[in-house]
C-alpha cells in the first residue's frame, strides 16, 4: 500500500491479480485475469474529506500462484496487477480546496461565493468522476516453450 503523505493517507489495497496473455495455435491472442489475493470490496471514499475507508482493504497482499491452465508448448506472458480501494480524483481535491458548494451556484453580480461558474459546473457535474481506482503493475514475465528457445 502506498503510505501517502502528511494529511493524505494512502488507500488500502483491494486485490492482487495475475494477468496472463497467450497466442493459440490459430494465432488468436487471448488474455485472462486471475484474482489471486484480497477481494473486491465496496470501500467508498468520503468525497467530502477525500479520506479512504481505512477499515476496508489490506496494507499488503502476498500469494504464491501457479497457472492452472499452463501449457508448456504455448508462448505466454504474465504480469501482476494490484488494485487499490477507490480514492478521490485530483479534481475532487481541487473542488474541496476551492470550497465549491453544489447547493450554491454562483450568480453573476450577486454571488459572494469564492468560485466561478466554470468551477461550479466542473465540480458539481456528474460528467467528471470524483473518485478513481488506482492500479499498479509489474513488468511482464515472458514464457517461451523449450522447443522454441534458442
C-alpha atoms as a PDB file:
ATOM      1  CA  UNK A   1       0.000   0.000   0.000  1.00  0.00           C
ATOM      2  CA  UNK A   2       1.185   3.488  -0.777  1.00  0.00           C
ATOM      3  CA  UNK A   3       1.662   5.225   2.603  1.00  0.00           C
ATOM      4  CA  UNK A   4       0.518   8.582   1.184  1.00  0.00           C
ATOM      5  CA  UNK A   5       1.886  11.783   2.709  1.00  0.00           C
ATOM      6  CA  UNK A   6       1.189  14.012   5.698  1.00  0.00           C
ATOM      7  CA  UNK A   7      -2.545  14.617   5.951  1.00  0.00           C
ATOM      8  CA  UNK A   8      -3.302  12.401   2.947  1.00  0.00           C
ATOM      9  CA  UNK A   9      -3.134   8.695   3.803  1.00  0.00           C
ATOM     10  CA  UNK A  10      -2.765   6.162   1.021  1.00  0.00           C
ATOM     11  CA  UNK A  11      -5.672   3.924   0.070  1.00  0.00           C
ATOM     12  CA  UNK A  12      -5.599   0.294   1.232  1.00  0.00           C
ATOM     13  CA  UNK A  13      -5.146  -2.430  -1.366  1.00  0.00           C
ATOM     14  CA  UNK A  14      -8.175  -4.284  -2.638  1.00  0.00           C
ATOM     15  CA  UNK A  15      -6.811  -7.205  -4.636  1.00  0.00           C
ATOM     16  CA  UNK A  16      -3.833  -8.615  -6.491  1.00  0.00           C
ATOM     17  CA  UNK A  17      -4.289 -10.202  -9.884  1.00  0.00           C
ATOM     18  CA  UNK A  18      -2.238 -12.173 -12.372  1.00  0.00           C
ATOM     19  CA  UNK A  19      -2.870 -11.254 -15.998  1.00  0.00           C
ATOM     20  CA  UNK A  20      -1.981 -13.979 -18.483  1.00  0.00           C
ATOM     21  CA  UNK A  21      -1.746 -13.466 -22.224  1.00  0.00           C
ATOM     22  CA  UNK A  22      -1.144 -16.112 -24.863  1.00  0.00           C
ATOM     23  CA  UNK A  23      -1.473 -16.875 -28.553  1.00  0.00           C
ATOM     24  CA  UNK A  24      -3.349 -20.033 -29.536  1.00  0.00           C
ATOM     25  CA  UNK A  25      -2.456 -22.409 -32.400  1.00  0.00           C
ATOM     26  CA  UNK A  26      -4.604 -20.355 -34.814  1.00  0.00           C
ATOM     27  CA  UNK A  27      -2.732 -17.162 -33.953  1.00  0.00           C
ATOM     28  CA  UNK A  28      -5.542 -15.638 -31.865  1.00  0.00           C
ATOM     29  CA  UNK A  29      -4.469 -13.538 -28.889  1.00  0.00           C
ATOM     30  CA  UNK A  30      -6.133 -14.222 -25.526  1.00  0.00           C
ATOM     31  CA  UNK A  31      -5.979 -12.666 -22.087  1.00  0.00           C
ATOM     32  CA  UNK A  32      -7.263 -13.920 -18.749  1.00  0.00           C
ATOM     33  CA  UNK A  33      -7.280 -12.245 -15.333  1.00  0.00           C
ATOM     34  CA  UNK A  34      -6.921 -14.291 -12.143  1.00  0.00           C
ATOM     35  CA  UNK A  35      -7.766 -12.752  -8.768  1.00  0.00           C
ATOM     36  CA  UNK A  36      -5.099 -14.258  -6.513  1.00  0.00           C
ATOM     37  CA  UNK A  37      -5.164 -12.278  -3.241  1.00  0.00           C
ATOM     38  CA  UNK A  38      -7.509  -9.922  -1.444  1.00  0.00           C
ATOM     39  CA  UNK A  39     -11.079  -9.427  -2.589  1.00  0.00           C
ATOM     40  CA  UNK A  40     -13.280  -6.936  -4.368  1.00  0.00           C
ATOM     41  CA  UNK A  41     -14.999  -4.879  -1.689  1.00  0.00           C
ATOM     42  CA  UNK A  42     -17.274  -1.893  -1.513  1.00  0.00           C
ATOM     43  CA  UNK A  43     -14.927   0.622   0.047  1.00  0.00           C
ATOM     44  CA  UNK A  44     -16.345   4.065  -0.575  1.00  0.00           C
ATOM     45  CA  UNK A  45     -14.167   7.128  -0.270  1.00  0.00           C
ATOM     46  CA  UNK A  46     -15.661  10.082   1.630  1.00  0.00           C
ATOM     47  CA  UNK A  47     -15.959  12.722  -1.108  1.00  0.00           C
ATOM     48  CA  UNK A  48     -16.349  15.499   1.498  1.00  0.00           C
ATOM     49  CA  UNK A  49     -12.941  14.780   3.062  1.00  0.00           C
ATOM     50  CA  UNK A  50     -11.233  12.520   0.493  1.00  0.00           C
ATOM     51  CA  UNK A  51     -10.353  10.138   3.319  1.00  0.00           C
ATOM     52  CA  UNK A  52     -10.253   6.476   2.258  1.00  0.00           C
ATOM     53  CA  UNK A  53     -12.019   3.838   4.324  1.00  0.00           C
ATOM     54  CA  UNK A  54      -9.083   2.506   6.350  1.00  0.00           C
ATOM     55  CA  UNK A  55     -11.109  -0.475   7.618  1.00  0.00           C
ATOM     56  CA  UNK A  56     -11.701  -1.953   4.166  1.00  0.00           C
ATOM     57  CA  UNK A  57      -8.800  -3.424   2.251  1.00  0.00           C
ATOM     58  CA  UNK A  58      -5.300  -4.596   3.040  1.00  0.00           C
ATOM     59  CA  UNK A  59      -1.985  -2.893   3.822  1.00  0.00           C
ATOM     60  CA  UNK A  60      -0.196  -5.623   1.826  1.00  0.00           C
ATOM     61  CA  UNK A  61      -1.016  -8.685  -0.275  1.00  0.00           C
ATOM     62  CA  UNK A  62       1.089 -11.791  -0.824  1.00  0.00           C
ATOM     63  CA  UNK A  63       0.288 -15.054  -2.583  1.00  0.00           C
ATOM     64  CA  UNK A  64       2.065 -17.893  -4.346  1.00  0.00           C
ATOM     65  CA  UNK A  65       0.298 -18.775  -7.600  1.00  0.00           C
ATOM     66  CA  UNK A  66       0.598 -21.489 -10.255  1.00  0.00           C
ATOM     67  CA  UNK A  67      -1.110 -21.237 -13.635  1.00  0.00           C
ATOM     68  CA  UNK A  68      -3.922 -23.846 -13.546  1.00  0.00           C
ATOM     69  CA  UNK A  69      -4.033 -23.917 -17.369  1.00  0.00           C
ATOM     70  CA  UNK A  70      -0.299 -23.911 -18.059  1.00  0.00           C
ATOM     71  CA  UNK A  71       0.670 -25.453 -21.408  1.00  0.00           C
ATOM     72  CA  UNK A  72       4.449 -25.925 -21.797  1.00  0.00           C
ATOM     73  CA  UNK A  73       4.060 -25.777 -25.618  1.00  0.00           C
ATOM     74  CA  UNK A  74       2.409 -22.349 -25.624  1.00  0.00           C
ATOM     75  CA  UNK A  75       4.029 -18.902 -25.716  1.00  0.00           C
ATOM     76  CA  UNK A  76       2.660 -16.767 -22.879  1.00  0.00           C
ATOM     77  CA  UNK A  77       3.275 -13.714 -20.740  1.00  0.00           C
ATOM     78  CA  UNK A  78       2.291 -12.982 -17.156  1.00  0.00           C
ATOM     79  CA  UNK A  79       2.243  -9.835 -15.069  1.00  0.00           C
ATOM     80  CA  UNK A  80       0.909  -8.836 -11.664  1.00  0.00           C
ATOM     81  CA  UNK A  81      -1.657  -6.097 -11.241  1.00  0.00           C
ATOM     82  CA  UNK A  82      -2.583  -4.626  -7.850  1.00  0.00           C
ATOM     83  CA  UNK A  83      -5.802  -2.627  -7.392  1.00  0.00           C
ATOM     84  CA  UNK A  84      -6.325  -0.055  -4.631  1.00  0.00           C
ATOM     85  CA  UNK A  85      -9.589   0.838  -2.960  1.00  0.00           C
ATOM     86  CA  UNK A  86     -11.176   3.920  -4.542  1.00  0.00           C
ATOM     87  CA  UNK A  87      -9.657   7.317  -3.793  1.00  0.00           C
ATOM     88  CA  UNK A  88     -10.522  10.900  -4.733  1.00  0.00           C
ATOM     89  CA  UNK A  89      -9.562  12.015  -8.215  1.00  0.00           C
ATOM     90  CA  UNK A  90      -7.398  15.175  -8.426  1.00  0.00           C
ATOM     91  CA  UNK A  91     -10.371  17.345  -9.404  1.00  0.00           C
ATOM     92  CA  UNK A  92     -12.205  16.451  -6.176  1.00  0.00           C
ATOM     93  CA  UNK A  93      -9.233  17.698  -4.131  1.00  0.00           C
ATOM     94  CA  UNK A  94      -9.374  20.923  -6.163  1.00  0.00           C
ATOM     95  CA  UNK A  95     -13.119  21.362  -5.563  1.00  0.00           C
ATOM     96  CA  UNK A  96     -12.692  20.784  -1.825  1.00  0.00           C
ATOM     97  CA  UNK A  97      -9.812  23.280  -1.706  1.00  0.00           C
ATOM     98  CA  UNK A  98     -11.933  25.903  -3.531  1.00  0.00           C
ATOM     99  CA  UNK A  99     -14.842  25.111  -1.148  1.00  0.00           C
ATOM    100  CA  UNK A 100     -17.301  24.659  -4.004  1.00  0.00           C
ATOM    101  CA  UNK A 101     -20.781  24.082  -2.579  1.00  0.00           C
ATOM    102  CA  UNK A 102     -23.029  22.397  -5.142  1.00  0.00           C
ATOM    103  CA  UNK A 103     -26.121  23.738  -3.352  1.00  0.00           C
ATOM    104  CA  UNK A 104     -24.963  27.344  -4.012  1.00  0.00           C
ATOM    105  CA  UNK A 105     -24.378  28.114  -7.686  1.00  0.00           C
ATOM    106  CA  UNK A 106     -22.681  31.458  -8.270  1.00  0.00           C
ATOM    107  CA  UNK A 107     -24.902  34.182  -9.743  1.00  0.00           C
ATOM    108  CA  UNK A 108     -23.246  36.960 -11.755  1.00  0.00           C
ATOM    109  CA  UNK A 109     -23.005  40.250  -9.825  1.00  0.00           C
ATOM    110  CA  UNK A 110     -24.930  38.785  -6.860  1.00  0.00           C
ATOM    111  CA  UNK A 111     -22.751  35.995  -5.586  1.00  0.00           C
ATOM    112  CA  UNK A 112     -20.302  36.243  -2.749  1.00  0.00           C
ATOM    113  CA  UNK A 113     -19.049  32.667  -3.153  1.00  0.00           C
ATOM    114  CA  UNK A 114     -15.355  32.321  -3.894  1.00  0.00           C
ATOM    115  CA  UNK A 115     -15.595  30.196  -7.042  1.00  0.00           C
ATOM    116  CA  UNK A 116     -16.560  30.730 -10.662  1.00  0.00           C
ATOM    117  CA  UNK A 117     -19.450  29.373 -12.700  1.00  0.00           C
ATOM    118  CA  UNK A 118     -16.970  27.190 -14.598  1.00  0.00           C
ATOM    119  CA  UNK A 119     -15.603  25.721 -11.347  1.00  0.00           C
ATOM    120  CA  UNK A 120     -19.143  25.122 -10.114  1.00  0.00           C
ATOM    121  CA  UNK A 121     -20.050  23.285 -13.332  1.00  0.00           C
ATOM    122  CA  UNK A 122     -16.913  21.159 -13.228  1.00  0.00           C
ATOM    123  CA  UNK A 123     -17.225  20.298  -9.543  1.00  0.00           C
ATOM    124  CA  UNK A 124     -20.967  19.660  -9.470  1.00  0.00           C
ATOM    125  CA  UNK A 125     -21.406  17.836 -12.766  1.00  0.00           C
ATOM    126  CA  UNK A 126     -21.504  14.055 -12.846  1.00  0.00           C
ATOM    127  CA  UNK A 127     -19.677  14.120 -16.200  1.00  0.00           C
ATOM    128  CA  UNK A 128     -16.291  14.030 -14.469  1.00  0.00           C
ATOM    129  CA  UNK A 129     -15.674  11.202 -11.971  1.00  0.00           C
ATOM    130  CA  UNK A 130     -14.949  12.329  -8.414  1.00  0.00           C
ATOM    131  CA  UNK A 131     -13.167   9.102  -7.456  1.00  0.00           C
ATOM    132  CA  UNK A 132     -10.810   6.703  -9.218  1.00  0.00           C
ATOM    133  CA  UNK A 133      -9.372   3.296  -8.535  1.00  0.00           C
ATOM    134  CA  UNK A 134      -5.596   3.314  -8.915  1.00  0.00           C
ATOM    135  CA  UNK A 135      -3.663   0.320 -10.230  1.00  0.00           C
ATOM    136  CA  UNK A 136      -0.042  -0.714 -10.315  1.00  0.00           C
ATOM    137  CA  UNK A 137       1.507  -3.459 -12.416  1.00  0.00           C
ATOM    138  CA  UNK A 138       4.759  -5.324 -12.719  1.00  0.00           C
ATOM    139  CA  UNK A 139       6.961  -5.921 -15.711  1.00  0.00           C
ATOM    140  CA  UNK A 140       5.848  -8.988 -17.644  1.00  0.00           C
ATOM    141  CA  UNK A 141       7.422 -12.407 -17.475  1.00  0.00           C
ATOM    142  CA  UNK A 142       7.648 -13.992 -20.930  1.00  0.00           C
ATOM    143  CA  UNK A 143       7.399 -17.740 -21.291  1.00  0.00           C
ATOM    144  CA  UNK A 144       8.937 -19.312 -24.410  1.00  0.00           C
ATOM    145  CA  UNK A 145       8.415 -23.043 -24.986  1.00  0.00           C
ATOM    146  CA  UNK A 146      11.626 -25.094 -24.671  1.00  0.00           C
ATOM    147  CA  UNK A 147      11.419 -26.250 -28.297  1.00  0.00           C
ATOM    148  CA  UNK A 148      11.399 -22.600 -29.461  1.00  0.00           C
ATOM    149  CA  UNK A 149      14.157 -21.363 -27.156  1.00  0.00           C
ATOM    150  CA  UNK A 150      17.474 -20.523 -28.879  1.00  0.00           C
END
